Amino acid sequence: MIYRKITPAEAKRRLDTEKDIILIDVRMDSEYAQRHIKNSVLIPLGVLQKEILMKIPDKSKTIFVYCQSGSRSKNASQILLKLGYTNVFDMGGIIGWPYEVE
């Protein structure tokens, strides 16, 4: 599988126009509680490998991954690819997300 990055602008466009994209926040609970991108699912990096199959059993789903600055999202994307997920995109960090957050 190929590691792919996606820009905030392209991610926003696709999130606004495509229905089945799963947006995963891999930060800690406390970071998510402070602010997160609307409709994102929290799966902290530390439990990602253990919980992903229960939460997203379909490995062909389009998944966008983000964290705080981009390091954890890259690691998470690589974990997902190693687990056989085929349509994974690293969005980088929420600090680079110029759009609305909750």
Protein backbone atom coordinates (compact mmCIF):
# COMPACT_ATOMS: atom_id res chain seq x y z
CA MET A 1 0.00 0.00 0.00
CA ILE A 2 1.08 3.55 -0.69
CA TYR A 3 1.38 6.25 1.98
CA ARG A 4 -0.53 9.34 0.79
CA LYS A 5 -0.87 12.86 2.17
CA ILE A 6 -3.81 15.14 1.48
CA THR A 7 -3.89 18.92 1.83
CA PRO A 8 -6.44 20.61 4.09
CA ALA A 9 -8.07 22.23 1.04
CA GLU A 10 -8.47 18.91 -0.79
CA ALA A 11 -9.63 17.16 2.39
CA LYS A 12 -12.24 19.86 3.04
CA ARG A 13 -13.50 19.69 -0.54
CA ARG A 14 -13.84 15.92 -0.40
CA LEU A 15 -15.42 15.92 3.07
CA ASP A 16 -18.00 18.41 1.81
CA THR A 17 -18.83 16.45 -1.35
CA GLU A 18 -18.33 12.75 -0.54
CA LYS A 19 -20.52 10.90 1.94
CA ASP A 20 -18.59 7.87 3.10
CA ILE A 21 -15.25 9.32 4.21
CA ILE A 22 -14.27 8.39 7.76
CA LEU A 23 -12.32 11.11 9.55
CA ILE A 24 -10.14 9.80 12.39
CA ASP A 25 -8.54 11.95 15.08
CA VAL A 26 -5.63 10.03 16.62
CA ARG A 27 -4.88 12.48 19.45
CA MET A 28 -5.58 11.95 23.15
CA ASP A 29 -9.05 12.33 24.69
CA SER A 30 -8.14 15.65 26.31
CA GLU A 31 -6.91 17.11 23.01
CA TYR A 32 -10.07 15.98 21.24
CA ALA A 33 -12.22 17.55 23.97
CA GLN A 34 -10.51 20.93 23.50
CA ARG A 35 -11.20 21.05 19.75
CA HIS A 36 -11.68 18.70 16.85
CA ILE A 37 -12.87 18.65 13.26
CA LYS A 38 -16.62 18.13 12.98
CA ASN A 39 -17.74 14.51 12.46
CA SER A 40 -14.33 13.09 13.34
CA VAL A 41 -14.04 9.85 15.27
CA LEU A 42 -11.56 9.71 18.14
CA ILE A 43 -9.27 6.68 18.09
CA PRO A 44 -6.06 7.61 19.94
CA LEU A 45 -2.87 6.36 18.31
CA GLY A 46 -2.07 4.20 21.34
CA VAL A 47 -5.21 2.09 20.85
CA LEU A 48 -5.60 2.39 17.08
CA GLN A 49 -4.24 -1.04 16.21
CA LYS A 50 -6.43 -2.70 18.84
CA GLU A 51 -9.70 -0.84 18.09
CA ILE A 52 -9.69 -0.09 14.36
CA LEU A 53 -11.08 -3.43 13.18
CA MET A 54 -14.02 -3.15 15.60
CA LYS A 55 -14.80 0.43 14.59
CA ILE A 56 -14.03 0.20 10.86
CA PRO A 57 -14.18 -3.41 9.67
CA ASP A 58 -14.36 -2.47 5.96
CA LYS A 59 -10.72 -2.03 4.91
CA SER A 60 -11.73 -0.41 1.60
CA LYS A 61 -13.37 2.63 3.23
CA THR A 62 -11.80 6.03 2.56
CA ILE A 63 -10.09 7.17 5.77
CA PHE A 64 -8.61 10.61 6.51
CA VAL A 65 -6.34 10.73 9.57
CA TYR A 66 -5.25 13.80 11.55
CA CYS A 67 -3.54 14.64 14.83
CA GLN A 68 -2.10 17.81 16.39
CA SER A 69 0.95 18.53 14.25
CA GLY A 70 1.27 15.65 11.77
CA SER A 71 3.59 13.13 13.44
CA ARG A 72 0.93 10.84 14.93
CA SER A 73 -1.22 11.01 11.79
CA LYS A 74 1.71 9.77 9.72
CA ASN A 75 2.32 6.90 12.16
CA ALA A 76 -1.40 6.07 12.23
CA SER A 77 -1.62 6.09 8.43
CA GLN A 78 1.28 3.68 8.20
CA ILE A 79 -0.31 1.38 10.82
CA LEU A 80 -3.58 1.35 8.88
CA LEU A 81 -1.78 0.52 5.65
CA LYS A 82 0.10 -2.35 7.34
CA LEU A 83 -3.24 -3.67 8.64
CA GLY A 84 -4.54 -3.79 5.07
CA TYR A 85 -6.59 -0.61 4.82
CA THR A 86 -6.32 0.50 1.20
CA ASN A 87 -7.67 4.04 0.98
CA VAL A 88 -5.87 5.98 3.73
CA PHE A 89 -4.88 9.67 3.56
CA ASP A 90 -2.77 11.58 6.09
CA MET A 91 -4.24 15.06 6.66
CA GLY A 92 -1.45 16.12 9.00
CA GLY A 93 -2.19 18.27 12.04
CA ILE A 94 -5.22 20.19 13.15
CA ILE A 95 -2.86 23.17 13.59
CA GLY A 96 -2.77 23.34 9.79
CA TRP A 97 -6.57 23.08 9.41
CA PRO A 98 -7.80 26.59 8.49
CA TYR A 99 -11.48 25.67 8.64
CA GLU A 100 -14.07 25.47 11.40
CA VAL A 101 -13.52 23.16 14.37
CA GLU A 102 -15.72 22.19 17.29
